[in-house]
């Protein structure tokens, strides 16, 4: 069997180009680096596979070596074969070539062994990932629960995700959040989020620096999915810790808004009782959607709820227009019709209807929800969601007599 050059081995190129941190670790602490010469596929391109072929000397048994991920224990027999003790197997790995390496910077030496096949293979142990959709975080179903499931399913970052949950637990148990220093808490959480995203992308080899590099590996997910899922998980995880401080901070503004809503209701009381009943019935599902803000944890979920509320509100407005048009046409003897596209709702009409909606809501912490949605987010909102949140904020400002009392 012809022995390939080290530089021609796919595994070795992964190690020195894509897993540089492991390559540096190998130079500093490893005794053996096993380089499979064949049977390496793109599905093996992951950190777990690479760590399985980097070994350090066993502290307990002379002549044995333990892989960096602690899953393999081996010994070299007569410089020809590798015997695997852990996990127990009868498989022997043939050594094709050997290179002794001395690193002058660390004054250490280690051995590179080119072997005939991998110790293990992701493609034979698990079903290959043939579609990115398996690890896609969908905006339409984004929630605290789905964010947890998504991040927990990414096996290569299992330890990192555990570390994040531990950090959040310490934050909840030890961090004191004062109403006037909420920004400090946001900055601390934002720091945790940035570190998690960067480390996760490094482990999964999907960092921004790798965007333009061709890789034989089918990426598990994208940076954008990790960013959004981790933001939702972090802000949702500490919601019960932050929410009381937010309510205290916005209490006076919420009280002021309630007073202005009462004034607004008095000014519009000239509407007939029939019109009020009709409008109230139409707004019932919209009010129920807005009420969900009281139960959602993360900033993005609250923003998405505001967007879905606006969608329902627009649908209600269109339905009312159609009913009014039909009522007008009922008195016409001869009617000519043709298919015409539905006219879009004007922005002013949308704002007016959202204002009416807020005046009919029995929610007590409208300003608190607005403040939490704007403050506890690390990513820009999608354009459609941002438009809905802007309309929500403008409605609150109008009800505060257009004095823009709610600027933060």
Protein backbone atom coordinates (compact mmCIF):
# COMPACT_ATOMS: atom_id res chain seq x y z
CA UNK A 1 0.00 0.00 0.00
CA UNK A 2 1.39 3.37 -1.02
CA UNK A 3 1.82 5.72 1.92
CA UNK A 4 0.44 9.20 1.18
CA UNK A 5 2.38 12.31 2.02
CA UNK A 6 1.32 13.90 5.29
CA UNK A 7 0.25 17.08 3.50
CA UNK A 8 -2.07 15.04 1.29
CA UNK A 9 -4.00 13.56 4.21
CA UNK A 10 -7.38 15.23 4.62
CA UNK A 11 -7.34 14.83 8.40
CA UNK A 12 -3.96 16.56 8.74
CA UNK A 13 -5.16 19.51 6.67
CA UNK A 14 -8.22 19.84 8.89
CA UNK A 15 -6.00 19.83 11.95
CA UNK A 16 -3.51 22.49 10.87
CA UNK A 17 -5.98 24.75 9.03
CA UNK A 18 -9.41 24.44 10.65
CA UNK A 19 -8.73 23.22 14.19
CA UNK A 20 -5.76 25.40 15.02
CA UNK A 21 -6.48 25.40 18.77
CA UNK A 22 -6.29 21.60 18.81
CA UNK A 23 -3.13 21.69 16.72
CA UNK A 24 -1.49 24.02 19.26
CA UNK A 25 -2.67 21.78 22.08
CA UNK A 26 -1.15 18.78 20.32
CA UNK A 27 2.20 20.57 20.13
CA UNK A 28 2.11 21.37 23.84
CA UNK A 29 0.74 18.28 25.56
CA UNK A 30 0.29 15.40 23.10
CA UNK A 31 2.55 12.38 22.69
CA UNK A 32 0.88 10.94 19.59
CA UNK A 33 -1.00 12.40 16.64
CA UNK A 34 -2.78 9.76 14.57
CA UNK A 35 -3.43 10.76 10.96
CA UNK A 36 -5.83 8.46 9.05
CA UNK A 37 -4.75 8.08 5.43
CA UNK A 38 -8.11 6.91 4.07
CA UNK A 39 -11.78 6.30 4.88
CA UNK A 40 -12.17 9.90 6.07
CA UNK A 41 -15.33 11.57 4.79
CA UNK A 42 -16.83 15.03 5.04
CA UNK A 43 -19.15 13.73 7.76
CA UNK A 44 -16.10 13.17 9.97
CA UNK A 45 -15.31 16.88 9.88
CA UNK A 46 -16.02 17.75 13.51
CA UNK A 47 -14.15 18.47 16.70
CA UNK A 48 -15.03 15.17 18.33
CA UNK A 49 -13.47 13.19 15.49
CA UNK A 50 -10.25 15.23 15.57
CA UNK A 51 -9.89 14.98 19.36
CA UNK A 52 -10.27 11.19 19.08
CA UNK A 53 -6.97 11.06 17.17
CA UNK A 54 -4.88 13.30 19.45
CA UNK A 55 -3.29 11.44 22.38
CA UNK A 56 -1.35 12.23 25.52
CA UNK A 57 0.59 9.77 27.67
CA UNK A 58 -1.48 7.89 30.23
CA UNK A 59 -0.73 9.05 33.79
CA UNK A 60 -1.53 5.55 35.11
CA UNK A 61 -0.15 3.00 32.66
CA UNK A 62 3.25 3.05 31.00
CA UNK A 63 3.15 2.71 27.23
CA UNK A 64 -0.51 3.65 26.96
CA UNK A 65 -2.01 6.85 25.57
CA UNK A 66 -5.37 8.54 26.15
CA UNK A 67 -7.23 10.66 23.59
CA UNK A 68 -7.98 14.29 24.39
CA UNK A 69 -11.70 13.55 24.59
CA UNK A 70 -10.94 10.64 26.99
CA UNK A 71 -12.84 8.17 24.82
CA UNK A 72 -9.89 6.12 23.56
CA UNK A 73 -7.00 4.35 25.26
CA UNK A 74 -4.37 2.80 22.98
CA UNK A 75 -0.87 1.38 22.85
CA UNK A 76 1.60 1.04 19.98
CA UNK A 77 2.67 -2.55 19.30
CA UNK A 78 6.12 -3.00 17.68
CA UNK A 79 5.72 0.27 15.76
CA UNK A 80 3.44 -1.59 13.36
CA UNK A 81 -0.02 -1.70 14.85
CA UNK A 82 -2.16 0.18 17.33
CA UNK A 83 -4.11 -1.80 19.89
CA UNK A 84 -7.29 -0.18 21.22
CA UNK A 85 -8.05 -0.90 24.88
CA UNK A 86 -10.91 1.54 25.27
CA UNK A 87 -13.52 1.06 23.99
CA UNK A 88 -12.99 -2.69 23.98
CA UNK A 89 -12.60 -3.96 20.43
CA UNK A 90 -10.72 -6.54 18.42
CA UNK A 91 -9.90 -4.00 15.72
CA UNK A 92 -6.21 -3.37 15.08
CA UNK A 93 -5.04 -0.23 13.33
CA UNK A 94 -2.09 -0.56 10.99
CA UNK A 95 0.70 2.03 11.13
CA UNK A 96 1.84 3.06 7.64
CA UNK A 97 4.46 5.66 8.47
CA UNK A 98 5.94 7.62 11.34
CA UNK A 99 7.34 11.12 11.73
CA UNK A 100 9.13 12.35 14.83
CA UNK A 101 8.51 16.03 15.50
CA UNK A 102 10.53 18.32 17.74
CA UNK A 103 9.12 21.76 18.50
CA UNK A 104 11.96 24.14 19.29
CA UNK A 105 9.62 26.78 20.72
CA UNK A 106 8.18 24.44 23.36
CA UNK A 107 11.21 22.14 23.57
CA UNK A 108 8.88 19.18 23.21
CA UNK A 109 8.74 16.22 20.90
CA UNK A 110 5.81 14.12 19.75
CA UNK A 111 5.15 11.47 17.12
CA UNK A 112 2.88 11.64 14.09
CA UNK A 113 1.63 8.23 12.98
CA UNK A 114 -0.03 7.83 9.59
CA UNK A 115 -2.55 5.01 9.99
CA UNK A 116 -4.56 3.02 7.49
CA UNK A 117 -8.01 4.06 8.75
CA UNK A 118 -9.67 6.13 11.49
CA UNK A 119 -10.19 4.85 15.01
CA UNK A 120 -13.82 5.75 14.51
CA UNK A 121 -15.90 7.34 11.79
CA UNK A 122 -18.87 9.60 12.19
CA UNK A 123 -20.24 8.33 8.90
CA UNK A 124 -20.38 4.75 10.20
CA UNK A 125 -21.49 5.45 13.76
CA UNK A 126 -24.30 7.87 13.04
CA UNK A 127 -26.55 8.74 10.17
CA UNK A 128 -24.97 11.47 8.08
CA UNK A 129 -26.57 14.89 8.19
CA UNK A 130 -27.94 15.34 4.72
CA UNK A 131 -29.92 18.50 5.31
CA UNK A 132 -29.33 21.71 7.21
CA UNK A 133 -33.04 21.90 8.01
CA UNK A 134 -32.53 19.44 10.85
CA UNK A 135 -30.63 22.13 12.72
CA UNK A 136 -32.42 25.22 11.49
CA UNK A 137 -33.92 27.62 14.00
CA UNK A 138 -37.14 28.85 12.41
CA UNK A 139 -38.31 32.41 13.04
CA UNK A 140 -41.96 31.38 12.82
CA UNK A 141 -41.65 28.99 15.76
CA UNK A 142 -38.97 30.84 17.73
CA UNK A 143 -39.59 30.66 21.47
CA UNK A 144 -37.71 30.06 24.69
CA UNK A 145 -38.57 26.35 24.53
CA UNK A 146 -37.55 25.86 20.89
CA UNK A 147 -34.34 27.83 21.51
CA UNK A 148 -33.39 25.44 24.31
CA UNK A 149 -34.18 22.38 22.16
CA UNK A 150 -32.18 23.77 19.23
CA UNK A 151 -29.06 24.60 21.26
CA UNK A 152 -29.25 21.38 23.25
CA UNK A 153 -29.38 19.35 20.02
CA UNK A 154 -26.00 20.66 18.84
CA UNK A 155 -23.81 17.94 20.34
CA UNK A 156 -20.42 19.56 19.58
CA UNK A 157 -21.28 22.53 21.83
CA UNK A 158 -22.85 20.46 24.61
CA UNK A 159 -20.20 21.46 27.17
CA UNK A 160 -20.35 25.10 26.12
CA UNK A 161 -24.14 25.17 26.46
CA UNK A 162 -23.86 23.62 29.93
CA UNK A 163 -21.36 26.33 30.85
CA UNK A 164 -23.79 29.01 29.65
CA UNK A 165 -26.64 27.60 31.74
CA UNK A 166 -24.36 27.53 34.78
CA UNK A 167 -23.40 31.18 34.22
CA UNK A 168 -27.05 32.17 33.96
CA UNK A 169 -27.85 30.29 37.15
CA UNK A 170 -25.09 32.19 38.97
CA UNK A 171 -26.44 35.43 37.50
CA UNK A 172 -29.90 34.70 38.88
CA UNK A 173 -28.65 33.65 42.31
CA UNK A 174 -25.99 36.29 42.94
CA UNK A 175 -26.61 39.37 40.78
CA UNK A 176 -28.61 42.21 42.31
CA UNK A 177 -30.62 44.19 39.76
CA UNK A 178 -31.61 47.71 40.77
CA UNK A 179 -34.28 49.54 38.75
CA UNK A 180 -31.96 52.43 37.89
CA UNK A 181 -29.12 50.12 36.84
CA UNK A 182 -30.91 47.75 34.49
CA UNK A 183 -28.47 48.64 31.71
CA UNK A 184 -25.68 47.06 33.75
CA UNK A 185 -27.57 43.77 33.82
CA UNK A 186 -28.21 44.01 30.07
CA UNK A 187 -24.52 44.61 29.41
CA UNK A 188 -23.55 41.61 31.52
CA UNK A 189 -26.00 39.36 29.68
CA UNK A 190 -24.88 40.76 26.34
CA UNK A 191 -21.29 39.88 27.25
CA UNK A 192 -22.33 36.29 28.03
CA UNK A 193 -24.20 36.14 24.72
CA UNK A 194 -21.27 37.41 22.63
CA UNK A 195 -18.84 34.97 24.24
CA UNK A 196 -21.20 32.04 23.75
CA UNK A 197 -21.87 32.83 20.09
CA UNK A 198 -18.19 33.29 19.26
CA UNK A 199 -17.10 30.11 21.03
CA UNK A 200 -19.96 28.09 19.55
CA UNK A 201 -19.11 29.25 16.04
CA UNK A 202 -15.45 28.44 16.62
CA UNK A 203 -16.27 24.91 17.78
CA UNK A 204 -18.66 24.37 14.87
CA UNK A 205 -16.27 26.04 12.41
CA UNK A 206 -18.89 28.48 11.17
CA UNK A 207 -17.26 31.68 12.35
CA UNK A 208 -17.34 34.72 10.09
CA UNK A 209 -13.75 34.05 9.03
CA UNK A 210 -14.85 30.69 7.64
CA UNK A 211 -17.70 32.10 5.61
CA UNK A 212 -15.66 32.44 2.44
CA UNK A 213 -13.66 29.25 2.87
CA UNK A 214 -14.74 26.12 1.11
CA UNK A 215 -15.18 23.33 3.61
CA UNK A 216 -15.82 19.62 3.08
CA UNK A 217 -18.07 19.64 6.13
CA UNK A 218 -21.83 20.05 5.96
CA UNK A 219 -22.39 22.74 8.56
CA UNK A 220 -24.78 21.84 11.35
CA UNK A 221 -26.32 25.30 11.43
CA UNK A 222 -25.60 28.98 10.75
CA UNK A 223 -24.23 31.80 12.87
CA UNK A 224 -27.52 33.68 12.51
CA UNK A 225 -29.47 30.76 13.98
CA UNK A 226 -27.10 30.47 16.93
CA UNK A 227 -27.25 34.22 17.56
CA UNK A 228 -31.05 34.36 17.65
CA UNK A 229 -31.57 31.11 19.57
CA UNK A 230 -29.03 32.06 22.24
CA UNK A 231 -30.47 35.58 22.60
CA UNK A 232 -33.94 34.15 23.15
CA UNK A 233 -32.64 31.53 25.56
CA UNK A 234 -30.58 34.00 27.62
CA UNK A 235 -33.21 36.73 27.92
CA UNK A 236 -35.92 34.16 28.55
CA UNK A 237 -33.88 32.29 31.15
CA UNK A 238 -33.37 35.35 33.36
CA UNK A 239 -36.79 36.91 32.72
CA UNK A 240 -38.13 36.29 36.22
CA UNK A 241 -34.99 37.93 37.63
CA UNK A 242 -35.23 41.07 35.48
CA UNK A 243 -38.97 41.61 35.20
CA UNK A 244 -39.62 42.95 38.76
CA UNK A 245 -36.92 45.60 38.28
CA UNK A 246 -38.43 46.58 34.92
CA UNK A 247 -41.90 46.96 36.45
CA UNK A 248 -40.49 49.15 39.22
CA UNK A 249 -38.52 51.26 36.74
CA UNK A 250 -41.55 51.90 34.49
CA UNK A 251 -44.19 52.08 37.24
CA UNK A 252 -44.67 55.85 37.12
CA UNK A 253 -44.86 55.88 33.33
CA UNK A 254 -47.38 53.04 33.32
CA UNK A 255 -49.51 54.92 35.87
CA UNK A 256 -49.32 58.06 33.75
CA UNK A 257 -50.29 56.09 30.66
CA UNK A 258 -53.30 54.62 32.46
CA UNK A 259 -54.47 58.12 33.35
CA UNK A 260 -54.10 59.28 29.76
CA UNK A 261 -56.02 56.25 28.52
CA UNK A 262 -58.89 57.18 30.83
CA UNK A 263 -58.87 60.70 29.39
CA UNK A 264 -58.82 59.31 25.88
CA UNK A 265 -61.76 57.05 26.64
CA UNK A 266 -63.73 60.00 27.98
CA UNK A 267 -63.03 62.04 24.84
CA UNK A 268 -64.21 59.24 22.59
CA UNK A 269 -67.27 58.34 24.66
CA UNK A 270 -69.51 60.16 22.17
CA UNK A 271 -69.49 57.06 19.98
CA UNK A 272 -72.77 55.17 19.99
CA UNK A 273 -73.12 52.10 22.18
CA UNK A 274 -73.82 50.01 19.06
CA UNK A 275 -70.57 51.07 17.44
CA UNK A 276 -68.69 50.35 20.66
CA UNK A 277 -70.18 46.88 20.91
CA UNK A 278 -69.32 46.10 17.29
CA UNK A 279 -65.77 47.35 17.64
CA UNK A 280 -65.30 45.50 20.91
CA UNK A 281 -66.41 42.21 19.36
CA UNK A 282 -64.06 42.68 16.41
CA UNK A 283 -61.13 43.46 18.69
CA UNK A 284 -61.63 40.45 21.00
CA UNK A 285 -59.13 38.11 19.25
CA UNK A 286 -56.68 41.00 18.78
CA UNK A 287 -56.81 41.88 22.47
CA UNK A 288 -56.30 38.23 23.36
CA UNK A 289 -53.17 38.16 21.19
CA UNK A 290 -51.80 41.33 22.80
CA UNK A 291 -52.50 39.86 26.24
CA UNK A 292 -49.93 37.13 25.52
CA UNK A 293 -47.23 39.70 26.31
CA UNK A 294 -47.90 38.98 29.98
CA UNK A 295 -46.73 35.37 29.59
CA UNK A 296 -43.83 35.59 27.14
CA UNK A 297 -40.28 35.62 28.49
CA UNK A 298 -37.78 36.75 25.89
CA UNK A 299 -37.54 40.11 24.16
CA UNK A 300 -37.88 38.57 20.70
CA UNK A 301 -41.02 36.64 21.69
CA UNK A 302 -42.62 39.85 22.93
CA UNK A 303 -41.66 41.65 19.72
CA UNK A 304 -43.06 38.80 17.62
CA UNK A 305 -46.28 38.93 19.66
CA UNK A 306 -46.63 42.64 18.90
CA UNK A 307 -46.15 41.85 15.22
CA UNK A 308 -48.84 39.11 15.26
CA UNK A 309 -51.15 41.52 17.10
CA UNK A 310 -50.66 44.07 14.33
CA UNK A 311 -51.36 41.41 11.70
CA UNK A 312 -54.65 40.51 13.37
CA UNK A 313 -55.50 44.18 13.73
CA UNK A 314 -54.93 44.82 10.02
CA UNK A 315 -57.05 41.80 9.13
CA UNK A 316 -59.83 43.15 11.35
CA UNK A 317 -59.62 46.57 9.70
CA UNK A 318 -59.86 45.03 6.22
CA UNK A 319 -62.87 42.99 7.32
CA UNK A 320 -64.56 46.13 8.65
CA UNK A 321 -63.93 47.93 5.35
CA UNK A 322 -65.48 45.07 3.42
CA UNK A 323 -68.52 45.02 5.70
CA UNK A 324 -69.02 48.76 5.30
CA UNK A 325 -68.69 48.50 1.54
CA UNK A 326 -71.17 45.64 1.41
CA UNK A 327 -73.62 47.58 3.57
CA UNK A 328 -73.40 50.57 1.22
CA UNK A 329 -73.89 48.46 -1.89
CA UNK A 330 -76.98 46.73 -0.50
CA UNK A 331 -79.09 49.80 -1.35
CA UNK A 332 -77.97 49.91 -4.99
CA UNK A 333 -80.37 48.37 -7.56
CA UNK A 334 -77.82 47.77 -10.31
CA UNK A 335 -74.30 46.89 -9.27
CA UNK A 336 -71.26 46.46 -11.50
CA UNK A 337 -68.34 44.62 -9.97
CA UNK A 338 -64.87 43.67 -11.06
CA UNK A 339 -61.93 42.12 -9.31
CA UNK A 340 -59.76 44.79 -7.75
CA UNK A 341 -56.74 44.37 -5.51
CA UNK A 342 -57.30 45.13 -1.86
CA UNK A 343 -56.15 48.65 -1.04
CA UNK A 344 -53.38 48.72 1.57
CA UNK A 345 -54.14 50.17 4.98
CA UNK A 346 -52.63 53.62 5.44
CA UNK A 347 -50.04 54.02 8.18
CA UNK A 348 -52.13 56.71 9.91
CA UNK A 349 -55.14 54.40 10.00
CA UNK A 350 -52.99 51.60 11.41
CA UNK A 351 -51.67 53.85 14.16
CA UNK A 352 -55.16 55.10 15.02
CA UNK A 353 -56.49 51.55 15.27
CA UNK A 354 -53.57 50.47 17.45
CA UNK A 355 -54.29 53.41 19.76
CA UNK A 356 -57.93 52.33 19.99
CA UNK A 357 -56.77 48.81 20.73
CA UNK A 358 -54.58 49.90 23.65
CA UNK A 359 -57.43 51.93 25.14
CA UNK A 360 -59.58 48.79 25.24
CA UNK A 361 -56.90 46.59 26.78
CA UNK A 362 -56.93 45.82 30.50
CA UNK A 363 -53.16 45.27 30.62
CA UNK A 364 -51.43 47.02 33.53
CA UNK A 365 -47.80 47.02 32.36
CA UNK A 366 -47.88 48.20 28.76
CA UNK A 367 -44.85 50.48 29.16
CA UNK A 368 -42.93 47.74 30.98
CA UNK A 369 -43.47 45.39 28.03
CA UNK A 370 -42.32 48.08 25.63
CA UNK A 371 -39.20 48.83 27.68
CA UNK A 372 -38.30 45.15 28.08
CA UNK A 373 -38.76 44.48 24.35
CA UNK A 374 -36.49 47.35 23.36
CA UNK A 375 -33.86 46.99 26.09
CA UNK A 376 -33.34 43.24 26.45
CA UNK A 377 -32.39 42.49 22.86
CA UNK A 378 -28.97 41.97 21.34
CA UNK A 379 -29.89 41.68 17.65
CA UNK A 380 -31.72 44.04 15.28
CA UNK A 381 -35.32 42.97 14.79
CA UNK A 382 -36.51 41.76 11.36
CA UNK A 383 -37.99 44.62 9.35
CA UNK A 384 -41.63 43.52 9.67
CA UNK A 385 -41.30 42.94 13.42
CA UNK A 386 -39.49 46.25 13.89
CA UNK A 387 -42.31 48.07 12.07
CA UNK A 388 -44.87 46.54 14.42
CA UNK A 389 -42.85 47.44 17.52
CA UNK A 390 -42.42 51.00 16.21
CA UNK A 391 -46.19 51.28 15.75
CA UNK A 392 -46.69 49.95 19.28
CA UNK A 393 -44.31 52.55 20.70
CA UNK A 394 -45.86 55.37 18.67
CA UNK A 395 -49.30 54.45 20.02
CA UNK A 396 -48.01 54.66 23.58
CA UNK A 397 -46.38 58.02 22.89
CA UNK A 398 -49.59 59.38 21.39
CA UNK A 399 -51.59 58.27 24.41
CA UNK A 400 -49.06 60.13 26.54
CA UNK A 401 -50.32 63.32 24.85
CA UNK A 402 -47.60 63.32 22.22
CA UNK A 403 -45.04 64.59 24.72
CA UNK A 404 -42.69 61.67 24.05
CA UNK A 405 -42.50 61.03 27.75
CA UNK A 406 -41.34 57.47 27.24
CA UNK A 407 -37.94 58.04 25.69
CA UNK A 408 -35.28 55.87 27.32
